[in-house]
Amino acid sequence: MLSRLFAVGLGMLVPALAAVCAPGTAAAEPAQPPQPAQAEPCRLALVLALDVSASVDAGEYILLRDGTAAALLSPDVRAAVKALGGVYISVFEWSGRQKQTLIQPWRVLDGDSAIRAVAERIATHPRSESEYPTALGSALGYAQRQLAAGPSPCNRQVIDVSGDGANNHGFSPESAYRAFDFSGVTVNGLVVAGSAGDAVDYYRRRVIRGPAAFVEIARGYEQFEEAMRRKLLREIGVMSLSDADPARRSPHP
């Protein structure tokens, strides 16, 4: 259904698996993508990390994938991107400990054409995994490596991680924050509430981190698109609603 919204041709899919190792292991480092050429100054480098673990069924995945694409295409998000002067974006799916798939390498969103191209790439990408557990620490480590290979210098670096449950495989978010350099990085969460225990509280206490970090909540996958739209507007905008709501602020510096 979303394909009718796009005016551009189908882009080539460039999935690339990269393993993030638990702290202290001797496994080989994953290859890093080259840093993108910066035709535009970097005001915001944004990594979207989309949960495709086994807790996300086929119907929920479609709502997540298509909702992310539709949120990028929404008029207010497109206007916010243009008002900021452009946003650098990278997108990947994550599930198990060594299961991260890059959907969109770093690209600058500098107008409607680029936004449509990235949205279509997300909406037409086949699901990378469906049978692995939730390795949130590994996903955070992979996201940090994407930022390290991204545009530099950049005014703000933000990781936007979605999920519906707690880490249950591999090392924890706390271990990721000790093992990788998250200096100056904001980690926000988009939590699908009601799927597995109190995921909202888990993300607030153990996942979000950094300046003005917040948790956005979707009450079911049917609300994922709207929650992603709100989240993108907060991240792109100058002022976050988390500044006005102490309960949403990150407990981590």
C-alpha atoms as a PDB file:
ATOM      1  CA  MET A   1       0.000   0.000   0.000  1.00  0.00           C
ATOM      2  CA  LEU A   2       2.817   2.440   0.863  1.00  0.00           C
ATOM      3  CA  SER A   3       4.457   1.999  -2.515  1.00  0.00           C
ATOM      4  CA  ARG A   4       1.732   4.127  -4.100  1.00  0.00           C
ATOM      5  CA  LEU A   5       2.925   7.049  -1.981  1.00  0.00           C
ATOM      6  CA  PHE A   6       6.346   7.163  -3.550  1.00  0.00           C
ATOM      7  CA  ALA A   7       7.319   9.070  -6.666  1.00  0.00           C
ATOM      8  CA  VAL A   8      10.773   7.542  -6.978  1.00  0.00           C
ATOM      9  CA  GLY A   9      11.905   4.187  -8.296  1.00  0.00           C
ATOM     10  CA  LEU A  10      12.805   1.299  -6.089  1.00  0.00           C
ATOM     11  CA  GLY A  11      16.319   1.754  -4.691  1.00  0.00           C
ATOM     12  CA  MET A  12      18.759  -1.125  -4.480  1.00  0.00           C
ATOM     13  CA  LEU A  13      18.694  -2.931  -1.157  1.00  0.00           C
ATOM     14  CA  VAL A  14      22.072  -3.106   0.520  1.00  0.00           C
ATOM     15  CA  PRO A  15      21.650  -5.249   3.658  1.00  0.00           C
ATOM     16  CA  ALA A  16      24.891  -5.946   5.511  1.00  0.00           C
ATOM     17  CA  LEU A  17      25.216  -8.090   8.595  1.00  0.00           C
ATOM     18  CA  ALA A  18      27.553  -6.860  11.304  1.00  0.00           C
ATOM     19  CA  ALA A  19      28.314  -8.589  14.593  1.00  0.00           C
ATOM     20  CA  VAL A  20      28.706  -6.681  17.811  1.00  0.00           C
ATOM     21  CA  CYS A  21      30.807  -8.644  20.260  1.00  0.00           C
ATOM     22  CA  ALA A  22      30.242  -8.890  23.989  1.00  0.00           C
ATOM     23  CA  PRO A  23      32.823  -7.013  26.041  1.00  0.00           C
ATOM     24  CA  GLY A  24      35.957  -9.043  26.602  1.00  0.00           C
ATOM     25  CA  THR A  25      35.550 -11.470  23.686  1.00  0.00           C
ATOM     26  CA  ALA A  26      38.155 -11.984  20.993  1.00  0.00           C
ATOM     27  CA  ALA A  27      35.882 -12.049  17.958  1.00  0.00           C
ATOM     28  CA  ALA A  28      36.880  -9.985  14.952  1.00  0.00           C
ATOM     29  CA  GLU A  29      35.728  -6.404  14.652  1.00  0.00           C
ATOM     30  CA  PRO A  30      33.015  -5.869  12.008  1.00  0.00           C
ATOM     31  CA  ALA A  31      34.006  -3.818   9.001  1.00  0.00           C
ATOM     32  CA  GLN A  32      32.901  -0.201   9.239  1.00  0.00           C
ATOM     33  CA  PRO A  33      31.272   1.707   6.372  1.00  0.00           C
ATOM     34  CA  PRO A  34      33.225   4.699   5.087  1.00  0.00           C
ATOM     35  CA  GLN A  35      32.261   8.054   6.516  1.00  0.00           C
ATOM     36  CA  PRO A  36      29.771   9.860   4.282  1.00  0.00           C
ATOM     37  CA  ALA A  37      30.925  12.881   2.343  1.00  0.00           C
ATOM     38  CA  GLN A  38      29.541  15.968   4.040  1.00  0.00           C
ATOM     39  CA  ALA A  39      28.138  18.215   1.362  1.00  0.00           C
ATOM     40  CA  GLU A  40      25.971  19.744   4.105  1.00  0.00           C
ATOM     41  CA  PRO A  41      26.979  20.654   7.680  1.00  0.00           C
ATOM     42  CA  CYS A  42      25.788  18.013  10.157  1.00  0.00           C
ATOM     43  CA  ARG A  43      23.295  19.374  12.629  1.00  0.00           C
ATOM     44  CA  LEU A  44      21.813  15.978  13.564  1.00  0.00           C
ATOM     45  CA  ALA A  45      23.092  12.432  12.958  1.00  0.00           C
ATOM     46  CA  LEU A  46      20.216  10.030  13.654  1.00  0.00           C
ATOM     47  CA  VAL A  47      20.418   6.224  13.853  1.00  0.00           C
ATOM     48  CA  LEU A  48      17.093   4.349  13.709  1.00  0.00           C
ATOM     49  CA  ALA A  49      17.364   0.896  15.335  1.00  0.00           C
ATOM     50  CA  LEU A  50      14.278  -1.236  14.616  1.00  0.00           C
ATOM     51  CA  ASP A  51      13.514  -4.329  16.721  1.00  0.00           C
ATOM     52  CA  VAL A  52      12.736  -7.420  14.601  1.00  0.00           C
ATOM     53  CA  SER A  53      13.244 -10.052  17.305  1.00  0.00           C
ATOM     54  CA  ALA A  54      10.997 -13.101  17.730  1.00  0.00           C
ATOM     55  CA  SER A  55       8.527 -11.169  19.895  1.00  0.00           C
ATOM     56  CA  VAL A  56       7.502  -9.165  16.802  1.00  0.00           C
ATOM     57  CA  ASP A  57       5.113 -11.230  14.660  1.00  0.00           C
ATOM     58  CA  ALA A  58       4.650 -10.842  10.909  1.00  0.00           C
ATOM     59  CA  GLY A  59       1.710  -8.457  11.145  1.00  0.00           C
ATOM     60  CA  GLU A  60       3.432  -6.326  13.781  1.00  0.00           C
ATOM     61  CA  TYR A  61       6.559  -6.143  11.637  1.00  0.00           C
ATOM     62  CA  ILE A  62       4.576  -4.684   8.740  1.00  0.00           C
ATOM     63  CA  LEU A  63       3.095  -2.052  11.048  1.00  0.00           C
ATOM     64  CA  LEU A  64       6.588  -1.237  12.373  1.00  0.00           C
ATOM     65  CA  ARG A  65       8.252  -1.101   8.956  1.00  0.00           C
ATOM     66  CA  ASP A  66       5.510   0.750   7.113  1.00  0.00           C
ATOM     67  CA  GLY A  67       4.876   3.003  10.105  1.00  0.00           C
ATOM     68  CA  THR A  68       8.516   4.104  10.158  1.00  0.00           C
ATOM     69  CA  ALA A  69       8.392   4.922   6.445  1.00  0.00           C
ATOM     70  CA  ALA A  70       5.076   6.759   6.740  1.00  0.00           C
ATOM     71  CA  ALA A  71       6.328   8.798   9.706  1.00  0.00           C
ATOM     72  CA  LEU A  72       9.297  10.004   7.654  1.00  0.00           C
ATOM     73  CA  LEU A  73       6.913  10.995   4.861  1.00  0.00           C
ATOM     74  CA  SER A  74       4.516  12.916   7.097  1.00  0.00           C
ATOM     75  CA  PRO A  75       4.307  16.621   6.199  1.00  0.00           C
ATOM     76  CA  ASP A  76       5.342  17.843   9.645  1.00  0.00           C
ATOM     77  CA  VAL A  77       8.434  15.608   9.790  1.00  0.00           C
ATOM     78  CA  ARG A  78       9.467  16.684   6.273  1.00  0.00           C
ATOM     79  CA  ALA A  79       8.971  20.318   7.258  1.00  0.00           C
ATOM     80  CA  ALA A  80      11.034  19.836  10.434  1.00  0.00           C
ATOM     81  CA  VAL A  81      13.886  18.253   8.465  1.00  0.00           C
ATOM     82  CA  LYS A  82      13.943  21.189   6.054  1.00  0.00           C
ATOM     83  CA  ALA A  83      13.690  23.750   8.860  1.00  0.00           C
ATOM     84  CA  LEU A  84      16.738  22.210  10.535  1.00  0.00           C
ATOM     85  CA  GLY A  85      18.672  22.350   7.277  1.00  0.00           C
ATOM     86  CA  GLY A  86      18.902  18.586   6.790  1.00  0.00           C
ATOM     87  CA  VAL A  87      19.384  15.423   8.858  1.00  0.00           C
ATOM     88  CA  TYR A  88      21.909  12.618   8.383  1.00  0.00           C
ATOM     89  CA  ILE A  89      20.235   9.224   8.879  1.00  0.00           C
ATOM     90  CA  SER A  90      21.209   5.565   9.121  1.00  0.00           C
ATOM     91  CA  VAL A  91      18.718   2.703   9.657  1.00  0.00           C
ATOM     92  CA  PHE A  92      19.198  -0.902  10.767  1.00  0.00           C
ATOM     93  CA  GLU A  93      17.172  -3.852  12.052  1.00  0.00           C
ATOM     94  CA  TRP A  94      18.275  -5.792  15.124  1.00  0.00           C
ATOM     95  CA  SER A  95      17.372  -8.943  17.001  1.00  0.00           C
ATOM     96  CA  GLY A  96      19.918 -11.483  18.336  1.00  0.00           C
ATOM     97  CA  ARG A  97      23.444 -10.880  19.565  1.00  0.00           C
ATOM     98  CA  GLN A  98      25.086 -10.998  16.133  1.00  0.00           C
ATOM     99  CA  LYS A  99      21.978 -10.143  14.151  1.00  0.00           C
ATOM    100  CA  GLN A 100      22.021  -6.543  12.965  1.00  0.00           C
ATOM    101  CA  THR A 101      21.196  -5.721   9.346  1.00  0.00           C
ATOM    102  CA  LEU A 102      21.940  -2.326   7.818  1.00  0.00           C
ATOM    103  CA  ILE A 103      18.990  -1.106   5.740  1.00  0.00           C
ATOM    104  CA  GLN A 104      20.081   2.454   5.005  1.00  0.00           C
ATOM    105  CA  PRO A 105      23.746   3.499   5.147  1.00  0.00           C
ATOM    106  CA  TRP A 106      24.391   7.118   6.072  1.00  0.00           C
ATOM    107  CA  ARG A 107      22.510   9.539   3.868  1.00  0.00           C
ATOM    108  CA  VAL A 108      21.637  13.176   4.252  1.00  0.00           C
ATOM    109  CA  LEU A 109      17.934  14.042   4.154  1.00  0.00           C
ATOM    110  CA  ASP A 110      18.153  17.422   2.462  1.00  0.00           C
ATOM    111  CA  GLY A 111      14.790  17.549   0.695  1.00  0.00           C
ATOM    112  CA  ASP A 112      11.683  15.635  -0.321  1.00  0.00           C
ATOM    113  CA  SER A 113      13.468  13.451  -2.861  1.00  0.00           C
ATOM    114  CA  ALA A 114      15.955  12.083  -0.320  1.00  0.00           C
ATOM    115  CA  ILE A 115      13.235  11.576   2.299  1.00  0.00           C
ATOM    116  CA  ARG A 116      11.076   9.646  -0.185  1.00  0.00           C
ATOM    117  CA  ALA A 117      14.014   7.487  -1.237  1.00  0.00           C
ATOM    118  CA  VAL A 118      14.879   6.509   2.343  1.00  0.00           C
ATOM    119  CA  ALA A 119      11.217   5.890   3.228  1.00  0.00           C
ATOM    120  CA  GLU A 120      10.782   3.638   0.207  1.00  0.00           C
ATOM    121  CA  ARG A 121      13.952   1.741   1.025  1.00  0.00           C
ATOM    122  CA  ILE A 122      12.585   1.021   4.511  1.00  0.00           C
ATOM    123  CA  ALA A 123       9.084   0.126   3.309  1.00  0.00           C
ATOM    124  CA  THR A 124      10.307  -2.349   0.663  1.00  0.00           C
ATOM    125  CA  HIS A 125      13.051  -4.010   2.677  1.00  0.00           C
ATOM    126  CA  PRO A 126      12.419  -7.716   3.411  1.00  0.00           C
ATOM    127  CA  ARG A 127      12.524  -8.624   7.088  1.00  0.00           C
ATOM    128  CA  SER A 128      16.075  -9.628   8.014  1.00  0.00           C
ATOM    129  CA  GLU A 129      15.322 -11.953  10.960  1.00  0.00           C
ATOM    130  CA  SER A 130      12.304 -13.330  12.819  1.00  0.00           C
ATOM    131  CA  GLU A 131      13.481 -16.122  15.127  1.00  0.00           C
ATOM    132  CA  TYR A 132      16.127 -14.567  17.361  1.00  0.00           C
ATOM    133  CA  PRO A 133      15.824 -13.143  20.898  1.00  0.00           C
ATOM    134  CA  THR A 134      16.234  -9.547  22.068  1.00  0.00           C
ATOM    135  CA  ALA A 135      19.910  -8.574  22.265  1.00  0.00           C
ATOM    136  CA  LEU A 136      19.504  -4.928  23.175  1.00  0.00           C
ATOM    137  CA  GLY A 137      23.070  -4.430  24.395  1.00  0.00           C
ATOM    138  CA  SER A 138      24.432  -5.648  21.066  1.00  0.00           C
ATOM    139  CA  ALA A 139      22.037  -3.361  19.193  1.00  0.00           C
ATOM    140  CA  LEU A 140      23.266  -0.367  21.184  1.00  0.00           C
ATOM    141  CA  GLY A 141      26.887  -1.283  20.507  1.00  0.00           C
ATOM    142  CA  TYR A 142      26.187  -1.587  16.790  1.00  0.00           C
ATOM    143  CA  ALA A 143      24.383   1.769  16.789  1.00  0.00           C
ATOM    144  CA  GLN A 144      27.346   3.454  18.463  1.00  0.00           C
ATOM    145  CA  ARG A 145      29.650   2.035  15.794  1.00  0.00           C
ATOM    146  CA  GLN A 146      27.372   3.450  13.127  1.00  0.00           C
ATOM    147  CA  LEU A 147      27.651   6.883  14.748  1.00  0.00           C
ATOM    148  CA  ALA A 148      31.424   6.538  14.999  1.00  0.00           C
ATOM    149  CA  ALA A 149      31.538   5.873  11.242  1.00  0.00           C
ATOM    150  CA  GLY A 150      29.052   8.652  10.474  1.00  0.00           C
ATOM    151  CA  PRO A 151      29.349  12.343   9.673  1.00  0.00           C
ATOM    152  CA  SER A 152      31.843  14.212  11.797  1.00  0.00           C
ATOM    153  CA  PRO A 153      31.785  16.778  13.248  1.00  0.00           C
ATOM    154  CA  CYS A 154      28.082  16.897  14.054  1.00  0.00           C
ATOM    155  CA  ASN A 155      26.132  19.106  16.433  1.00  0.00           C
ATOM    156  CA  ARG A 156      23.979  16.262  17.818  1.00  0.00           C
ATOM    157  CA  GLN A 157      24.173  12.456  17.722  1.00  0.00           C
ATOM    158  CA  VAL A 158      20.997  10.512  18.502  1.00  0.00           C
ATOM    159  CA  ILE A 159      20.161   6.798  18.589  1.00  0.00           C
ATOM    160  CA  ASP A 160      16.452   6.052  18.221  1.00  0.00           C
ATOM    161  CA  VAL A 161      15.870   2.455  19.394  1.00  0.00           C
ATOM    162  CA  SER A 162      12.467   0.773  19.199  1.00  0.00           C
ATOM    163  CA  GLY A 163      11.446  -2.346  21.105  1.00  0.00           C
ATOM    164  CA  ASP A 164       8.694  -4.174  22.946  1.00  0.00           C
ATOM    165  CA  GLY A 165      10.619  -5.890  25.749  1.00  0.00           C
ATOM    166  CA  ALA A 166      13.719  -6.185  27.892  1.00  0.00           C
ATOM    167  CA  ASN A 167      17.114  -7.529  26.889  1.00  0.00           C
ATOM    168  CA  ASN A 168      17.121 -11.338  27.089  1.00  0.00           C
ATOM    169  CA  HIS A 169      20.211 -12.323  25.096  1.00  0.00           C
ATOM    170  CA  GLY A 170      23.851 -11.360  25.321  1.00  0.00           C
ATOM    171  CA  PHE A 171      25.199  -8.409  27.260  1.00  0.00           C
ATOM    172  CA  SER A 172      23.025  -5.742  28.851  1.00  0.00           C
ATOM    173  CA  PRO A 173      22.519  -2.075  27.913  1.00  0.00           C
ATOM    174  CA  GLU A 174      24.641  -1.148  30.946  1.00  0.00           C
ATOM    175  CA  SER A 175      27.499  -3.288  29.613  1.00  0.00           C
ATOM    176  CA  ALA A 176      27.200  -1.615  26.219  1.00  0.00           C
ATOM    177  CA  TYR A 177      27.439   1.813  27.846  1.00  0.00           C
ATOM    178  CA  ARG A 178      30.602   0.729  29.661  1.00  0.00           C
ATOM    179  CA  ALA A 179      32.216  -0.900  26.628  1.00  0.00           C
ATOM    180  CA  PHE A 180      31.478   1.690  23.925  1.00  0.00           C
ATOM    181  CA  ASP A 181      32.002   5.443  23.795  1.00  0.00           C
ATOM    182  CA  PHE A 182      28.620   7.142  24.119  1.00  0.00           C
ATOM    183  CA  SER A 183      30.070  10.532  25.044  1.00  0.00           C
ATOM    184  CA  GLY A 184      27.644  13.242  23.904  1.00  0.00           C
ATOM    185  CA  VAL A 185      25.231  10.668  22.430  1.00  0.00           C
ATOM    186  CA  THR A 186      21.512  10.725  23.236  1.00  0.00           C
ATOM    187  CA  VAL A 187      19.701   7.372  23.241  1.00  0.00           C
ATOM    188  CA  ASN A 188      15.913   7.614  23.013  1.00  0.00           C
ATOM    189  CA  GLY A 189      13.405   4.771  23.137  1.00  0.00           C
ATOM    190  CA  LEU A 190      10.190   3.995  21.318  1.00  0.00           C
ATOM    191  CA  VAL A 191       8.452   1.314  23.372  1.00  0.00           C
ATOM    192  CA  VAL A 192       5.477  -0.738  22.228  1.00  0.00           C
ATOM    193  CA  ALA A 193       3.718  -1.123  25.564  1.00  0.00           C
ATOM    194  CA  GLY A 194       1.841  -4.199  26.718  1.00  0.00           C
ATOM    195  CA  SER A 195       3.779  -6.827  24.778  1.00  0.00           C
ATOM    196  CA  ALA A 196       6.194  -8.099  27.425  1.00  0.00           C
ATOM    197  CA  GLY A 197       6.059  -6.953  31.041  1.00  0.00           C
ATOM    198  CA  ASP A 198       6.812  -3.355  31.910  1.00  0.00           C
ATOM    199  CA  ALA A 199       8.974  -2.500  28.907  1.00  0.00           C
ATOM    200  CA  VAL A 200       8.329   1.212  29.392  1.00  0.00           C
ATOM    201  CA  ASP A 201       9.864   1.204  32.879  1.00  0.00           C
ATOM    202  CA  TYR A 202      12.774  -0.927  31.643  1.00  0.00           C
ATOM    203  CA  TYR A 203      13.597   1.533  28.872  1.00  0.00           C
ATOM    204  CA  ARG A 204      13.290   4.504  31.223  1.00  0.00           C
ATOM    205  CA  ARG A 205      15.582   2.972  33.844  1.00  0.00           C
ATOM    206  CA  ARG A 206      18.117   1.080  31.755  1.00  0.00           C
ATOM    207  CA  VAL A 207      18.083   2.101  28.100  1.00  0.00           C
ATOM    208  CA  ILE A 208      17.641   5.832  27.503  1.00  0.00           C
ATOM    209  CA  ARG A 209      20.706   7.940  28.075  1.00  0.00           C
ATOM    210  CA  GLY A 210      22.235  11.332  27.452  1.00  0.00           C
ATOM    211  CA  PRO A 211      21.068  14.929  27.004  1.00  0.00           C
ATOM    212  CA  ALA A 212      17.247  15.291  27.027  1.00  0.00           C
ATOM    213  CA  ALA A 213      16.724  11.546  26.460  1.00  0.00           C
ATOM    214  CA  PHE A 214      13.086  10.354  26.524  1.00  0.00           C
ATOM    215  CA  VAL A 215      10.804   7.379  25.946  1.00  0.00           C
ATOM    216  CA  GLU A 216       7.992   7.601  23.414  1.00  0.00           C
ATOM    217  CA  ILE A 217       5.146   5.100  23.916  1.00  0.00           C
ATOM    218  CA  ALA A 218       2.986   3.268  21.379  1.00  0.00           C
ATOM    219  CA  ARG A 219      -0.035   1.491  22.856  1.00  0.00           C
ATOM    220  CA  GLY A 220       0.239  -1.417  20.451  1.00  0.00           C
ATOM    221  CA  TYR A 221       1.803  -1.680  17.002  1.00  0.00           C
ATOM    222  CA  GLU A 222      -1.253  -0.033  15.489  1.00  0.00           C
ATOM    223  CA  GLN A 223       0.026   3.194  17.062  1.00  0.00           C
ATOM    224  CA  PHE A 224       3.637   2.721  15.973  1.00  0.00           C
ATOM    225  CA  GLU A 225       3.435   5.148  13.043  1.00  0.00           C
ATOM    226  CA  GLU A 226       2.063   7.996  15.162  1.00  0.00           C
ATOM    227  CA  ALA A 227       4.551   7.306  17.972  1.00  0.00           C
ATOM    228  CA  MET A 228       7.444   7.311  15.497  1.00  0.00           C
ATOM    229  CA  ARG A 229       6.195  10.574  14.002  1.00  0.00           C
ATOM    230  CA  ARG A 230       6.073  12.217  17.445  1.00  0.00           C
ATOM    231  CA  LYS A 231       9.492  10.840  18.287  1.00  0.00           C
ATOM    232  CA  LEU A 232      11.101  12.126  15.102  1.00  0.00           C
ATOM    233  CA  LEU A 233       9.626  15.574  15.678  1.00  0.00           C
ATOM    234  CA  ARG A 234      11.103  15.685  19.180  1.00  0.00           C
ATOM    235  CA  GLU A 235      14.498  14.524  17.966  1.00  0.00           C
ATOM    236  CA  ILE A 236      14.640  16.893  15.021  1.00  0.00           C
ATOM    237  CA  GLY A 237      13.158  19.845  16.890  1.00  0.00           C
ATOM    238  CA  VAL A 238      15.109  22.273  19.038  1.00  0.00           C
ATOM    239  CA  MET A 239      13.103  21.604  22.234  1.00  0.00           C
ATOM    240  CA  SER A 240      12.121  18.145  23.460  1.00  0.00           C
ATOM    241  CA  LEU A 241       8.945  17.531  25.429  1.00  0.00           C
ATOM    242  CA  SER A 242      11.113  15.520  27.810  1.00  0.00           C
ATOM    243  CA  ASP A 243      12.493  18.851  29.066  1.00  0.00           C
ATOM    244  CA  ALA A 244       9.066  19.628  30.496  1.00  0.00           C
ATOM    245  CA  ASP A 245       8.394  16.139  31.944  1.00  0.00           C
ATOM    246  CA  PRO A 246      10.968  14.995  34.514  1.00  0.00           C
ATOM    247  CA  ALA A 247       9.477  11.466  34.535  1.00  0.00           C
ATOM    248  CA  ARG A 248      10.625  11.005  30.937  1.00  0.00           C
ATOM    249  CA  ARG A 249      14.204  12.158  31.436  1.00  0.00           C
ATOM    250  CA  SER A 250      17.099   9.761  31.278  1.00  0.00           C
ATOM    251  CA  PRO A 251      18.608   8.645  34.613  1.00  0.00           C
ATOM    252  CA  HIS A 252      21.963   8.336  32.814  1.00  0.00           C
ATOM    253  CA  PRO A 253      24.202  11.333  32.065  1.00  0.00           C
END
